[in-house]
Protein backbone atom coordinates (compact mmCIF):
# COMPACT_ATOMS: atom_id res chain seq x y z
CA MET A 1 14.42 18.01 5.33
CA GLY A 2 14.45 16.39 2.49
CA ARG A 3 13.06 12.63 1.72
CA TYR A 4 15.46 10.02 0.29
CA GLU A 5 13.85 7.51 -2.04
CA SER A 6 15.68 4.36 -2.87
CA SER A 7 14.58 2.00 -5.85
CA PRO A 8 13.52 -1.44 -4.70
CA GLN A 9 15.10 -4.43 -4.87
CA LYS A 10 13.57 -6.53 -7.36
CA GLY A 11 10.22 -8.36 -7.13
CA GLU A 12 9.93 -5.84 -3.53
CA VAL A 13 8.34 -2.82 -2.50
CA ASN A 14 9.40 -0.02 -0.66
CA VAL A 15 7.34 0.62 2.73
CA ASP A 16 8.28 3.24 4.73
CA VAL A 17 8.11 2.33 8.59
CA VAL A 18 8.62 3.95 12.20
CA HIS A 19 11.21 2.61 14.12
CA ARG A 20 12.87 4.27 17.41
CA ARG A 21 10.67 7.44 16.62
CA ARG A 22 12.25 7.81 13.05
CA ARG A 23 10.82 7.42 9.99
CA GLN A 24 12.86 4.70 7.54
CA GLN A 25 12.24 3.18 4.16
CA ILE A 26 12.71 -0.65 3.62
CA SER A 27 12.35 -2.97 0.83
CA ILE A 28 10.31 -6.30 1.06
CA ASP A 29 8.93 -9.32 -0.22
CA PRO A 30 5.18 -8.97 -0.65
CA MET A 31 4.92 -12.64 0.47
CA TYR A 32 5.73 -11.40 3.89
CA LEU A 33 3.25 -9.20 4.45
CA VAL A 34 0.09 -10.35 6.41
CA PRO A 35 -3.36 -11.05 4.61
CA TRP A 36 -5.70 -8.67 5.97
CA VAL A 37 -9.47 -7.95 5.93
CA PRO A 38 -10.35 -4.14 3.98
CA VAL A 39 -11.04 -1.56 6.23
CA VAL A 40 -12.91 1.95 4.61
CA GLY A 41 -9.76 4.77 5.42
CA CYS A 42 -6.91 1.90 5.65
CA GLU A 43 -3.24 2.84 3.88
CA VAL A 44 -2.98 -0.47 1.38
CA VAL A 45 -0.06 -1.24 -1.10
CA ILE A 46 -0.59 -2.42 -4.18
CA LEU A 47 1.18 -6.06 -4.46
CA THR A 48 0.99 -6.85 -8.00
CA GLY A 49 0.96 -5.18 -11.95
CA GLN A 50 2.40 -2.02 -13.21
CA LEU A 51 0.97 -0.18 -9.82
CA CYS A 52 3.37 -2.69 -7.98
CA GLY A 53 4.64 -0.60 -4.59
CA VAL A 54 1.66 2.42 -4.65
CA VAL A 55 -0.01 3.49 -1.96
CA GLY A 56 -3.59 4.51 -1.94
CA VAL A 57 -6.43 4.22 0.61
CA ALA A 58 -9.18 1.83 0.25
CA LYS A 59 -12.45 3.92 -0.16
CA GLU A 60 -15.36 1.29 -0.35
CA SER A 61 -15.70 -2.60 -1.00
CA LYS A 62 -17.54 -4.20 -4.43
CA GLU A 63 -18.61 -7.69 -5.06
CA LYS A 64 -15.19 -7.70 -7.01
CA GLY A 65 -12.65 -5.99 -5.14
CA TRP A 66 -11.82 -2.82 -3.38
CA VAL A 67 -12.24 0.89 -4.83
CA ILE A 68 -8.51 2.35 -3.80
CA THR A 69 -8.61 5.55 -4.00
CA LEU A 70 -4.66 6.96 -5.73
CA ALA A 71 -2.92 10.05 -5.31
CA VAL A 72 -1.58 11.23 -9.06
CA ASP A 73 -0.05 14.69 -8.94
CA ASP A 74 -2.63 17.06 -7.10
CA ASP A 75 -5.69 14.82 -8.13
CA SER A 76 -6.26 11.75 -6.83
CA ARG A 77 -7.96 8.00 -9.08
CA ASP A 78 -9.85 5.54 -7.83
CA ARG A 79 -9.48 2.04 -8.77
CA LEU A 80 -10.51 -1.29 -8.41
CA PHE A 81 -8.19 -4.17 -7.09
CA GLU A 82 -8.94 -7.68 -5.84
CA ASP A 83 -8.38 -8.00 -2.45
CA LYS A 84 -5.42 -10.70 -2.69
CA ASP A 85 -3.67 -7.83 -4.52
CA LEU A 86 -3.44 -5.67 -1.16
CA ALA A 87 -1.83 -5.06 2.02
CA ALA A 88 -2.44 -2.95 4.90
CA LEU A 89 -0.32 -0.42 6.08
CA GLU A 90 -1.81 0.94 9.24
CA PRO A 91 -2.91 -1.19 11.98
CA LEU A 92 -5.35 -3.89 11.59
CA VAL A 93 -8.60 -3.92 13.43
CA THR A 94 -9.41 -7.40 14.87
């Protein structure tokens, strides 16, 4: 089954969610995403810049932010982001 990808509205990002056992895609303004304390291995969405809306995985904490692994075609690349530029997509650990 193919996956439908829609373009987010201006200033928003698309997020895949599961509702009533069905996967749905929603467009949301990043200001409504809950701030979080990063957890290694957690999926995150980038909230700012050219990569806004891209999903990656938190790899490790650095003094200046977090190293996030991004999938690029059949390869993966690591980039450094500040905490304020990221939001968690998985359940938060409290």
